[in-house]
N, C-alpha and C. Protein backbone atom coordinates (compact mmCIF):
# COMPACT_ATOMS: atom_id res chain seq x y z
N TRP A 1 0.84 -1.14 0.06
CA TRP A 1 -0.03 0.04 0.06
C TRP A 1 0.78 1.24 -0.07
N GLY A 2 1.07 1.82 -1.17
CA GLY A 2 1.77 3.05 -1.28
C GLY A 2 1.20 4.30 -0.66
N LYS A 3 1.99 5.12 -0.38
CA LYS A 3 1.31 6.38 0.09
C LYS A 3 0.80 7.12 -1.24
N SER A 4 -0.45 7.72 -1.13
CA SER A 4 -0.95 8.54 -2.15
C SER A 4 -0.15 9.84 -2.29
N PRO A 5 -0.18 10.32 -3.57
CA PRO A 5 0.68 11.60 -3.70
C PRO A 5 0.03 12.90 -2.96
N PRO A 6 0.59 13.79 -2.51
CA PRO A 6 -0.04 14.86 -1.94
C PRO A 6 -0.97 15.60 -2.94
N PRO A 7 -1.85 16.31 -2.46
CA PRO A 7 -2.99 16.76 -3.33
C PRO A 7 -2.21 18.08 -4.18
N SER A 8 -2.60 18.27 -5.29
CA SER A 8 -2.19 19.40 -6.03
C SER A 8 -3.39 20.41 -6.13
N ALA A 9 -2.82 21.75 -5.99
CA ALA A 9 -3.63 22.93 -6.09
C ALA A 9 -3.79 23.19 -7.48
N TRP A 10 -3.18 22.69 -8.42
CA TRP A 10 -3.08 23.05 -9.86
C TRP A 10 -4.07 22.29 -10.79
N THR A 11 -4.65 22.85 -11.84
CA THR A 11 -5.38 22.11 -12.82
C THR A 11 -5.06 22.82 -14.21
N ASP A 12 -5.21 21.83 -15.19
CA ASP A 12 -5.00 22.05 -16.57
C ASP A 12 -6.15 22.87 -17.20
N GLN A 13 -6.00 24.00 -17.80
CA GLN A 13 -6.97 24.87 -18.43
C GLN A 13 -7.00 24.77 -19.92
N GLY A 14 -6.15 23.99 -20.51
CA GLY A 14 -5.97 23.89 -21.96
C GLY A 14 -5.46 25.09 -22.65
N SER A 15 -5.68 25.35 -23.88
CA SER A 15 -5.44 26.52 -24.61
C SER A 15 -4.02 26.53 -25.19
N ALA A 16 -3.38 25.19 -25.37
CA ALA A 16 -2.13 25.16 -25.97
C ALA A 16 -2.12 25.50 -27.55
N LEU A 17 -1.12 25.95 -28.01
CA LEU A 17 -0.96 26.17 -29.38
C LEU A 17 0.40 25.42 -29.85
N ALA A 18 0.25 24.43 -30.70
CA ALA A 18 1.42 23.72 -31.05
C ALA A 18 2.57 24.30 -31.69
N GLY A 19 3.68 23.79 -31.53
CA GLY A 19 4.88 24.34 -32.26
C GLY A 19 5.45 23.02 -32.97
N ALA A 20 6.80 23.27 -33.17
CA ALA A 20 7.30 22.09 -33.89
C ALA A 20 7.48 20.85 -33.32
N ASN A 21 7.50 20.90 -31.92
CA ASN A 21 7.47 19.46 -31.23
C ASN A 21 6.14 19.11 -30.73
N GLY A 22 5.00 19.78 -31.21
CA GLY A 22 3.68 19.57 -30.78
C GLY A 22 3.37 20.62 -29.72
N ALA A 23 2.35 20.35 -28.98
CA ALA A 23 1.87 21.32 -27.91
C ALA A 23 2.81 21.33 -26.64
N PRO A 24 3.43 22.40 -26.36
CA PRO A 24 4.34 22.53 -24.96
C PRO A 24 3.25 22.19 -23.77
N LEU A 25 3.75 21.60 -23.01
CA LEU A 25 3.07 20.97 -21.77
C LEU A 25 3.54 21.78 -20.43
N LEU A 26 2.67 22.48 -19.90
CA LEU A 26 2.83 23.12 -18.50
C LEU A 26 2.30 22.35 -17.44
N VAL A 27 2.87 21.89 -16.53
CA VAL A 27 2.22 21.27 -15.24
C VAL A 27 2.59 21.82 -13.97
N GLY A 28 1.74 22.13 -13.08
CA GLY A 28 2.12 22.67 -11.73
C GLY A 28 1.95 21.61 -10.81
N SER A 29 2.61 21.64 -9.78
CA SER A 29 2.65 20.50 -8.61
C SER A 29 2.77 21.30 -7.39
N GLY A 30 2.21 20.81 -6.22
CA GLY A 30 2.21 21.30 -4.92
C GLY A 30 0.93 21.79 -4.42
N THR A 31 0.78 22.07 -3.27
CA THR A 31 -0.42 22.46 -2.48
C THR A 31 -0.67 23.97 -2.41
N LEU A 32 0.37 24.78 -2.71
CA LEU A 32 0.36 26.23 -2.41
C LEU A 32 0.01 26.71 -1.09
N VAL A 33 0.17 25.62 -0.19
CA VAL A 33 -0.04 26.26 1.32
C VAL A 33 1.27 26.99 1.75
N THR A 34 1.25 27.93 2.52
CA THR A 34 2.45 28.76 3.03
C THR A 34 3.60 27.92 3.40
N ASN A 35 4.71 28.26 2.75
CA ASN A 35 5.96 27.62 2.99
C ASN A 35 6.08 26.23 2.42
N SER A 36 5.06 25.82 1.65
CA SER A 36 5.20 24.50 0.88
C SER A 36 6.02 24.57 -0.38
N SER A 37 6.64 23.49 -0.73
CA SER A 37 7.41 23.38 -1.96
C SER A 37 6.48 23.07 -3.31
N ASN A 38 6.70 23.95 -4.31
CA ASN A 38 5.75 23.83 -5.52
C ASN A 38 6.66 23.79 -6.66
N SER A 39 6.23 23.62 -7.71
CA SER A 39 6.93 23.64 -8.99
C SER A 39 6.03 23.91 -10.23
N VAL A 40 6.44 24.59 -11.08
CA VAL A 40 5.79 24.67 -12.48
C VAL A 40 6.88 24.32 -13.48
N ASP A 41 6.42 23.16 -14.35
CA ASP A 41 7.34 22.55 -15.14
C ASP A 41 6.85 22.44 -16.54
N LEU A 42 7.77 22.91 -17.48
CA LEU A 42 7.30 23.02 -18.83
C LEU A 42 8.09 21.84 -19.54
N SER A 43 7.49 21.21 -20.59
CA SER A 43 8.10 20.24 -21.44
C SER A 43 7.64 20.33 -22.87
N ASN A 44 8.33 19.71 -23.71
CA ASN A 44 7.71 19.57 -25.24
C ASN A 44 7.80 20.92 -25.90
N ALA A 45 8.75 21.92 -25.42
CA ALA A 45 8.83 23.21 -26.03
C ALA A 45 10.19 23.08 -26.90
N ALA A 46 10.31 24.22 -27.78
CA ALA A 46 11.43 24.39 -28.66
C ALA A 46 12.70 24.72 -27.76
N GLY A 47 13.77 23.95 -27.97
CA GLY A 47 14.84 24.10 -27.35
C GLY A 47 15.71 25.48 -27.79
N ASN A 48 16.41 25.93 -26.68
CA ASN A 48 17.26 27.26 -26.93
C ASN A 48 16.33 28.44 -27.44
N ALA A 49 15.23 28.33 -27.03
CA ALA A 49 14.08 29.37 -27.56
C ALA A 49 13.84 30.41 -26.51
N PRO A 50 13.62 31.59 -26.87
CA PRO A 50 13.19 32.63 -25.98
C PRO A 50 11.79 32.35 -25.59
N ALA A 51 11.45 32.57 -24.37
CA ALA A 51 10.20 32.32 -23.76
C ALA A 51 9.75 33.40 -22.81
N VAL A 52 8.44 33.46 -22.63
CA VAL A 52 7.81 34.38 -21.73
C VAL A 52 6.86 33.57 -20.80
N LEU A 53 6.90 33.54 -19.49
CA LEU A 53 6.00 33.00 -18.68
C LEU A 53 5.16 34.09 -18.15
N PHE A 54 3.75 33.93 -18.57
CA PHE A 54 2.79 34.91 -18.27
C PHE A 54 2.28 34.37 -16.84
N VAL A 55 2.00 35.29 -15.93
CA VAL A 55 1.44 35.06 -14.52
C VAL A 55 0.40 36.04 -14.38
N ALA A 56 -0.88 35.63 -14.06
CA ALA A 56 -1.89 36.52 -13.79
C ALA A 56 -2.81 35.91 -12.61
N LEU A 57 -3.56 36.93 -12.07
CA LEU A 57 -4.50 36.54 -10.85
C LEU A 57 -5.90 36.23 -11.27
N SER A 58 -6.18 36.42 -12.57
CA SER A 58 -7.54 36.09 -13.19
C SER A 58 -7.23 35.65 -14.57
N SER A 59 -8.42 35.48 -15.26
CA SER A 59 -8.31 34.95 -16.68
C SER A 59 -9.39 35.75 -17.35
N THR A 60 -8.84 36.68 -18.25
CA THR A 60 -9.74 37.24 -19.33
C THR A 60 -9.10 36.90 -20.76
N PRO A 61 -9.57 35.80 -21.28
CA PRO A 61 -8.68 35.38 -22.48
C PRO A 61 -8.63 36.35 -23.49
N VAL A 62 -7.38 36.46 -24.27
CA VAL A 62 -7.19 37.21 -25.31
C VAL A 62 -6.59 36.68 -26.53
N ALA A 63 -6.73 36.94 -27.70
CA ALA A 63 -6.11 36.36 -28.82
C ALA A 63 -4.72 36.63 -28.73
N PHE A 64 -3.71 35.66 -29.21
CA PHE A 64 -2.34 35.99 -29.02
C PHE A 64 -1.67 35.05 -30.08
N TYR A 65 -1.14 35.55 -31.19
CA TYR A 65 -0.42 34.91 -32.14
C TYR A 65 -0.95 33.59 -32.76
N GLY A 66 -2.26 33.82 -32.87
CA GLY A 66 -3.03 32.61 -33.38
C GLY A 66 -3.59 31.74 -32.44
N GLY A 67 -3.36 31.97 -31.18
CA GLY A 67 -3.91 31.05 -30.16
C GLY A 67 -4.71 32.08 -29.13
N THR A 68 -4.93 31.49 -27.93
CA THR A 68 -5.57 32.29 -26.79
C THR A 68 -4.77 32.20 -25.61
N LEU A 69 -4.34 33.36 -25.02
CA LEU A 69 -3.59 33.53 -23.73
C LEU A 69 -4.68 33.51 -22.75
N LEU A 70 -4.78 32.61 -21.78
CA LEU A 70 -5.62 32.61 -20.80
C LEU A 70 -5.24 33.36 -19.55
N ALA A 71 -3.78 33.43 -19.39
CA ALA A 71 -3.32 34.08 -18.17
C ALA A 71 -3.07 35.47 -18.65
N PHE A 72 -4.34 36.21 -18.42
CA PHE A 72 -4.38 37.59 -18.84
C PHE A 72 -5.43 38.29 -17.91
N PRO A 73 -5.36 39.49 -17.47
CA PRO A 73 -4.22 40.38 -17.60
C PRO A 73 -3.04 39.89 -16.77
N THR A 74 -1.85 40.24 -17.30
CA THR A 74 -0.65 39.67 -16.57
C THR A 74 -0.01 40.55 -15.63
N LEU A 75 0.70 39.99 -14.65
CA LEU A 75 1.55 40.63 -13.93
C LEU A 75 2.84 40.73 -14.77
N PRO A 76 3.98 41.36 -14.27
CA PRO A 76 5.14 41.57 -15.05
C PRO A 76 5.61 40.03 -15.48
N PRO A 77 5.86 40.03 -16.71
CA PRO A 77 6.23 38.66 -17.31
C PRO A 77 7.62 38.27 -17.00
N ILE A 78 7.92 36.84 -16.99
CA ILE A 78 9.20 36.21 -16.63
C ILE A 78 9.77 35.96 -17.92
N VAL A 79 10.88 36.67 -18.54
CA VAL A 79 11.41 36.39 -19.69
C VAL A 79 12.66 35.55 -19.63
N LEU A 80 12.70 34.49 -20.38
CA LEU A 80 13.92 33.56 -20.23
C LEU A 80 14.23 32.94 -21.51
N THR A 81 15.22 32.11 -21.64
CA THR A 81 15.74 31.34 -22.60
C THR A 81 15.62 29.79 -22.27
N LEU A 82 14.96 29.09 -22.92
CA LEU A 82 14.79 27.56 -22.65
C LEU A 82 16.14 26.95 -22.83
N PRO A 83 16.40 25.80 -22.08
CA PRO A 83 17.60 25.00 -22.24
C PRO A 83 17.29 24.15 -23.71
N PRO A 84 18.34 23.62 -24.17
CA PRO A 84 18.44 22.78 -25.30
C PRO A 84 17.41 21.92 -25.53
N ASN A 85 16.98 21.15 -24.45
CA ASN A 85 15.93 20.14 -24.45
C ASN A 85 14.44 20.57 -24.34
N GLY A 86 14.39 21.95 -24.31
CA GLY A 86 12.86 22.50 -24.35
C GLY A 86 12.20 22.23 -22.94
N GLU A 87 12.95 21.78 -21.92
CA GLU A 87 12.26 21.48 -20.65
C GLU A 87 12.76 22.46 -19.52
N LEU A 88 11.92 22.77 -18.73
CA LEU A 88 12.37 23.84 -17.74
C LEU A 88 11.43 23.62 -16.44
N ALA A 89 11.97 23.31 -15.28
CA ALA A 89 11.32 23.20 -13.92
C ALA A 89 11.55 24.52 -13.13
N ILE A 90 10.57 25.18 -12.65
CA ILE A 90 10.77 26.36 -11.76
C ILE A 90 10.26 26.07 -10.37
N PRO A 91 11.06 25.46 -9.63
CA PRO A 91 10.60 25.22 -8.13
C PRO A 91 10.40 26.49 -7.35
N PHE A 92 9.56 26.58 -6.38
CA PHE A 92 9.52 27.79 -5.51
C PHE A 92 8.69 27.33 -4.29
N VAL A 93 9.05 28.25 -3.26
CA VAL A 93 8.43 27.92 -1.82
C VAL A 93 7.17 29.12 -1.84
N MET A 94 6.01 28.61 -1.56
CA MET A 94 4.85 29.54 -1.46
C MET A 94 5.23 30.46 -0.28
N PRO A 95 5.08 31.77 -0.60
CA PRO A 95 5.41 32.80 0.43
C PRO A 95 4.08 33.06 1.26
N PRO A 96 4.29 33.50 2.49
CA PRO A 96 2.96 33.68 3.38
C PRO A 96 2.33 34.97 2.78
N GLY A 97 0.92 35.09 3.18
CA GLY A 97 0.27 36.33 2.73
C GLY A 97 -0.76 36.11 1.73
N ALA A 98 -0.78 35.04 0.86
CA ALA A 98 -1.91 34.96 -0.11
C ALA A 98 -3.05 34.69 0.53
N PRO A 99 -4.15 35.40 0.26
CA PRO A 99 -5.40 35.06 0.89
C PRO A 99 -5.95 33.66 0.32
N SER A 100 -6.74 32.96 1.08
CA SER A 100 -7.33 31.72 0.50
C SER A 100 -8.23 31.88 -0.54
N GLY A 101 -8.12 31.01 -1.61
CA GLY A 101 -8.88 31.17 -2.87
C GLY A 101 -8.19 32.19 -3.98
N THR A 102 -6.94 32.50 -3.59
CA THR A 102 -6.20 33.32 -4.66
C THR A 102 -5.80 32.36 -5.82
N ALA A 103 -6.12 32.91 -6.99
CA ALA A 103 -5.88 32.20 -8.31
C ALA A 103 -4.65 32.59 -8.89
N LEU A 104 -3.59 31.62 -9.20
CA LEU A 104 -2.48 31.92 -9.95
C LEU A 104 -2.55 31.38 -11.37
N TRP A 105 -2.77 32.01 -12.37
CA TRP A 105 -2.93 31.68 -13.86
C TRP A 105 -1.43 31.70 -14.24
N LEU A 106 -0.86 30.59 -15.01
CA LEU A 106 0.34 30.57 -15.68
C LEU A 106 0.22 30.04 -17.07
N GLN A 107 0.98 30.66 -18.04
CA GLN A 107 1.06 30.09 -19.39
C GLN A 107 2.20 30.63 -20.07
N TYR A 108 2.96 29.82 -20.87
CA TYR A 108 4.13 30.13 -21.53
C TYR A 108 3.78 30.56 -22.98
N ALA A 109 4.57 31.49 -23.51
CA ALA A 109 4.66 31.77 -25.01
C ALA A 109 6.04 31.52 -25.29
N ILE A 110 6.38 30.72 -26.35
CA ILE A 110 7.67 30.23 -26.86
C ILE A 110 7.90 30.58 -28.12
N GLN A 111 9.03 31.28 -28.53
CA GLN A 111 9.30 31.53 -30.04
C GLN A 111 9.54 30.16 -30.60
N ASP A 112 9.00 29.85 -31.76
CA ASP A 112 8.84 28.59 -32.40
C ASP A 112 8.46 28.67 -33.70
N VAL A 113 9.47 28.37 -34.68
CA VAL A 113 9.22 28.60 -36.19
C VAL A 113 8.09 27.46 -36.68
N GLY A 114 8.00 26.53 -35.91
CA GLY A 114 6.93 25.44 -36.37
C GLY A 114 5.54 25.79 -35.72
N ALA A 115 5.38 27.00 -35.18
CA ALA A 115 4.01 27.38 -34.83
C ALA A 115 3.24 28.28 -35.91
N VAL A 116 2.01 28.36 -35.95
CA VAL A 116 1.24 29.03 -36.96
C VAL A 116 1.88 30.36 -37.19
N GLN A 117 2.24 31.34 -36.23
CA GLN A 117 2.50 32.59 -36.37
C GLN A 117 3.99 32.81 -35.51
N GLY A 118 4.59 31.73 -35.56
CA GLY A 118 5.91 31.74 -34.95
C GLY A 118 6.14 31.70 -33.42
N VAL A 119 5.02 31.57 -32.79
CA VAL A 119 4.88 31.43 -31.40
C VAL A 119 3.94 30.43 -30.89
N ALA A 120 4.55 29.39 -30.08
CA ALA A 120 3.78 28.43 -29.53
C ALA A 120 3.31 28.80 -28.16
N LEU A 121 2.26 28.32 -27.62
CA LEU A 121 1.63 28.50 -26.40
C LEU A 121 1.62 27.21 -25.64
N SER A 122 2.02 27.18 -24.39
CA SER A 122 1.72 26.04 -23.54
C SER A 122 0.26 26.02 -23.19
N ASN A 123 -0.27 25.01 -22.69
CA ASN A 123 -1.53 25.01 -21.93
C ASN A 123 -1.42 26.04 -20.92
N ALA A 124 -2.57 26.53 -20.41
CA ALA A 124 -2.54 27.35 -19.20
C ALA A 124 -2.86 26.41 -17.88
N ILE A 125 -2.40 26.82 -16.76
CA ILE A 125 -2.63 26.07 -15.50
C ILE A 125 -3.17 27.25 -14.69
N VAL A 126 -3.90 26.75 -13.69
CA VAL A 126 -4.33 27.64 -12.56
C VAL A 126 -4.16 26.87 -11.13
N GLY A 127 -3.55 27.56 -10.12
CA GLY A 127 -3.44 27.13 -8.93
C GLY A 127 -4.18 27.95 -8.06
N ILE A 128 -4.84 27.38 -6.97
CA ILE A 128 -5.79 27.97 -6.20
C ILE A 128 -5.23 27.74 -4.70
N THR A 129 -4.81 28.79 -4.04
CA THR A 129 -4.52 28.80 -2.55
C THR A 129 -5.63 28.25 -1.77
N PRO A 130 -5.14 27.33 -0.83
CA PRO A 130 -6.11 26.77 0.18
C PRO A 130 -6.59 27.79 1.28
């Protein structure tokens, strides 16, 4: 009888836009409890590509490079370059102070020549603080 995994506060909201490697996949893990270990992990994205991680506190979907950006309106975006394998894990510890029921919307945009308009989108995920 194995231990069941800890509950996750994250759910997949869809809305990926495929690139050369197919649809980039974003997965959140962790409970979002104060001081808990959490992670947002991207896979299946173009390697060595510029990318932007959009973070929002709500979702008002907007058209974006032939797809739909769900993590909008955004907080200041996180701009980075993906490693050669197109995978990136961002671990974090949940800081104190977020009210219960706070929504954290996340979605990546990745420069990708294989995407319809040169930009692939990961699926959006939302995490809800307990």
